[in-house]
Amino acid sequence: MTDFEGIYCFDLASVRFAIYPDGPDGTRVLALISESTLHDEFDAREVGDELMLACRKHSDVIQAAAIARYRANPRKPITLTHADFPGRRHFWPSTR
């Protein structure tokens, strides 16, 4: 697990976090991951602390997705959604 620098933003229903695409001495870029993405893709069931725990636990995957989005378009805001984690959902038990 890597260091995760983030904060839960209730008003945005997201976690805002920092990535460093060029390494720890490079540019700091802010990104968001939505609550619903954390609930569905990373099995976080509550808001606040549990969302932050899910981010820390899965920081490698989350940060890699954010860096990929940044590299694809460095000028576009980064908000990670379900589409950024194809194939993950089938690993979780069905809720039906």
C-alpha atoms as a PDB file:
ATOM      1  CA  MET A   1       0.000   0.000   0.000  1.00  0.00           C
ATOM      2  CA  THR A   2       1.285   3.470  -0.872  1.00  0.00           C
ATOM      3  CA  ASP A   3       0.720   6.703   1.032  1.00  0.00           C
ATOM      4  CA  PHE A   4      -2.699   8.149   0.369  1.00  0.00           C
ATOM      5  CA  GLU A   5      -3.187  11.892   0.719  1.00  0.00           C
ATOM      6  CA  GLY A   6      -6.910  12.608   0.664  1.00  0.00           C
ATOM      7  CA  ILE A   7      -9.981  14.036   2.353  1.00  0.00           C
ATOM      8  CA  TYR A   8     -13.649  13.063   2.317  1.00  0.00           C
ATOM      9  CA  CYS A   9     -15.803  15.826   0.798  1.00  0.00           C
ATOM     10  CA  PHE A  10     -19.383  15.408   1.976  1.00  0.00           C
ATOM     11  CA  ASP A  11     -20.660  18.238  -0.238  1.00  0.00           C
ATOM     12  CA  LEU A  12     -19.194  16.584  -3.359  1.00  0.00           C
ATOM     13  CA  ALA A  13     -20.087  13.010  -2.317  1.00  0.00           C
ATOM     14  CA  SER A  14     -16.477  12.163  -3.154  1.00  0.00           C
ATOM     15  CA  VAL A  15     -12.990  11.722  -1.814  1.00  0.00           C
ATOM     16  CA  ARG A  16     -10.515  14.318  -3.077  1.00  0.00           C
ATOM     17  CA  PHE A  17      -6.964  13.040  -3.237  1.00  0.00           C
ATOM     18  CA  ALA A  18      -3.528  13.970  -4.534  1.00  0.00           C
ATOM     19  CA  ILE A  19      -1.492  12.150  -7.147  1.00  0.00           C
ATOM     20  CA  TYR A  20       2.081  12.763  -8.229  1.00  0.00           C
ATOM     21  CA  PRO A  21       2.289  11.580 -11.862  1.00  0.00           C
ATOM     22  CA  ASP A  22       6.021  12.316 -12.107  1.00  0.00           C
ATOM     23  CA  GLY A  23       6.980  11.008  -8.679  1.00  0.00           C
ATOM     24  CA  PRO A  24       7.009  12.554  -5.190  1.00  0.00           C
ATOM     25  CA  ASP A  25       9.118  15.530  -6.267  1.00  0.00           C
ATOM     26  CA  GLY A  26       6.922  16.289  -9.293  1.00  0.00           C
ATOM     27  CA  THR A  27       3.673  18.111  -9.861  1.00  0.00           C
ATOM     28  CA  ARG A  28       0.843  17.549  -7.380  1.00  0.00           C
ATOM     29  CA  VAL A  29      -2.497  16.957  -9.098  1.00  0.00           C
ATOM     30  CA  LEU A  30      -5.868  16.730  -7.350  1.00  0.00           C
ATOM     31  CA  ALA A  31      -8.445  14.116  -8.326  1.00  0.00           C
ATOM     32  CA  LEU A  32     -11.816  12.901  -7.086  1.00  0.00           C
ATOM     33  CA  ILE A  33     -13.369   9.474  -6.732  1.00  0.00           C
ATOM     34  CA  SER A  34     -17.121   9.340  -6.203  1.00  0.00           C
ATOM     35  CA  GLU A  35     -18.822   7.740  -3.210  1.00  0.00           C
ATOM     36  CA  SER A  36     -20.814   5.458  -5.488  1.00  0.00           C
ATOM     37  CA  THR A  37     -17.638   4.209  -7.149  1.00  0.00           C
ATOM     38  CA  LEU A  38     -16.084   3.444  -3.774  1.00  0.00           C
ATOM     39  CA  HIS A  39     -19.281   1.685  -2.654  1.00  0.00           C
ATOM     40  CA  ASP A  40     -19.686  -0.416  -5.784  1.00  0.00           C
ATOM     41  CA  GLU A  41     -16.112  -1.079  -6.877  1.00  0.00           C
ATOM     42  CA  PHE A  42     -14.302  -1.237  -3.534  1.00  0.00           C
ATOM     43  CA  ASP A  43     -17.079  -2.460  -1.226  1.00  0.00           C
ATOM     44  CA  ALA A  44     -17.115   0.580   1.093  1.00  0.00           C
ATOM     45  CA  ARG A  45     -20.506   0.528   2.825  1.00  0.00           C
ATOM     46  CA  GLU A  46     -20.494   3.716   4.884  1.00  0.00           C
ATOM     47  CA  VAL A  47     -19.446   7.315   4.280  1.00  0.00           C
ATOM     48  CA  GLY A  48     -16.595   9.249   5.834  1.00  0.00           C
ATOM     49  CA  ASP A  49     -13.978   7.111   7.540  1.00  0.00           C
ATOM     50  CA  GLU A  50     -14.900   3.902   5.705  1.00  0.00           C
ATOM     51  CA  LEU A  51     -14.516   5.624   2.329  1.00  0.00           C
ATOM     52  CA  MET A  52     -11.087   6.854   3.381  1.00  0.00           C
ATOM     53  CA  LEU A  53     -10.158   3.349   4.547  1.00  0.00           C
ATOM     54  CA  ALA A  54     -11.200   1.928   1.157  1.00  0.00           C
ATOM     55  CA  CYS A  55      -9.070   4.565  -0.573  1.00  0.00           C
ATOM     56  CA  ARG A  56      -6.040   3.711   1.540  1.00  0.00           C
ATOM     57  CA  LYS A  57      -6.550  -0.023   1.095  1.00  0.00           C
ATOM     58  CA  HIS A  58      -6.880   0.275  -2.699  1.00  0.00           C
ATOM     59  CA  SER A  59      -4.667   3.315  -3.214  1.00  0.00           C
ATOM     60  CA  ASP A  60      -2.420   1.612  -5.772  1.00  0.00           C
ATOM     61  CA  VAL A  61      -5.351   0.861  -8.087  1.00  0.00           C
ATOM     62  CA  ILE A  62      -7.086   4.209  -7.496  1.00  0.00           C
ATOM     63  CA  GLN A  63      -3.937   6.278  -7.992  1.00  0.00           C
ATOM     64  CA  ALA A  64      -2.972   4.316 -11.121  1.00  0.00           C
ATOM     65  CA  ALA A  65      -6.406   5.028 -12.630  1.00  0.00           C
ATOM     66  CA  ALA A  66      -6.102   8.727 -11.791  1.00  0.00           C
ATOM     67  CA  ILE A  67      -2.605   8.946 -13.276  1.00  0.00           C
ATOM     68  CA  ALA A  68      -3.838   7.235 -16.458  1.00  0.00           C
ATOM     69  CA  ARG A  69      -6.662   9.800 -16.731  1.00  0.00           C
ATOM     70  CA  TYR A  70      -4.190  12.629 -16.125  1.00  0.00           C
ATOM     71  CA  ARG A  71      -1.792  11.370 -18.794  1.00  0.00           C
ATOM     72  CA  ALA A  72      -4.654  11.020 -21.297  1.00  0.00           C
ATOM     73  CA  ASN A  73      -5.597  14.693 -20.840  1.00  0.00           C
ATOM     74  CA  PRO A  74      -3.549  16.722 -18.314  1.00  0.00           C
ATOM     75  CA  ARG A  75      -5.840  19.767 -18.587  1.00  0.00           C
ATOM     76  CA  LYS A  76      -9.093  17.940 -17.818  1.00  0.00           C
ATOM     77  CA  PRO A  77     -10.363  17.578 -14.218  1.00  0.00           C
ATOM     78  CA  ILE A  78     -10.091  14.027 -12.894  1.00  0.00           C
ATOM     79  CA  THR A  79     -13.171  12.413 -11.370  1.00  0.00           C
ATOM     80  CA  LEU A  80     -12.927   8.645 -11.200  1.00  0.00           C
ATOM     81  CA  THR A  81     -16.115   6.667 -11.782  1.00  0.00           C
ATOM     82  CA  HIS A  82     -17.111   3.059 -12.430  1.00  0.00           C
ATOM     83  CA  ALA A  83     -15.816   3.350 -15.997  1.00  0.00           C
ATOM     84  CA  ASP A  84     -12.256   3.747 -14.681  1.00  0.00           C
ATOM     85  CA  PHE A  85     -12.319   0.275 -13.119  1.00  0.00           C
ATOM     86  CA  PRO A  86     -13.575  -2.109 -15.819  1.00  0.00           C
ATOM     87  CA  GLY A  87     -13.864  -5.684 -14.687  1.00  0.00           C
ATOM     88  CA  ARG A  88     -13.725  -4.983 -10.929  1.00  0.00           C
ATOM     89  CA  ARG A  89     -17.463  -5.229 -10.215  1.00  0.00           C
ATOM     90  CA  HIS A  90     -17.710  -8.903 -11.039  1.00  0.00           C
ATOM     91  CA  PHE A  91     -15.399  -9.683  -8.114  1.00  0.00           C
ATOM     92  CA  TRP A  92     -17.970  -8.525  -5.568  1.00  0.00           C
ATOM     93  CA  PRO A  93     -20.946 -10.664  -4.507  1.00  0.00           C
ATOM     94  CA  SER A  94     -24.180  -9.935  -6.311  1.00  0.00           C
ATOM     95  CA  THR A  95     -26.697  -7.808  -4.389  1.00  0.00           C
ATOM     96  CA  ARG A  96     -29.640  -9.322  -6.257  1.00  0.00           C
END
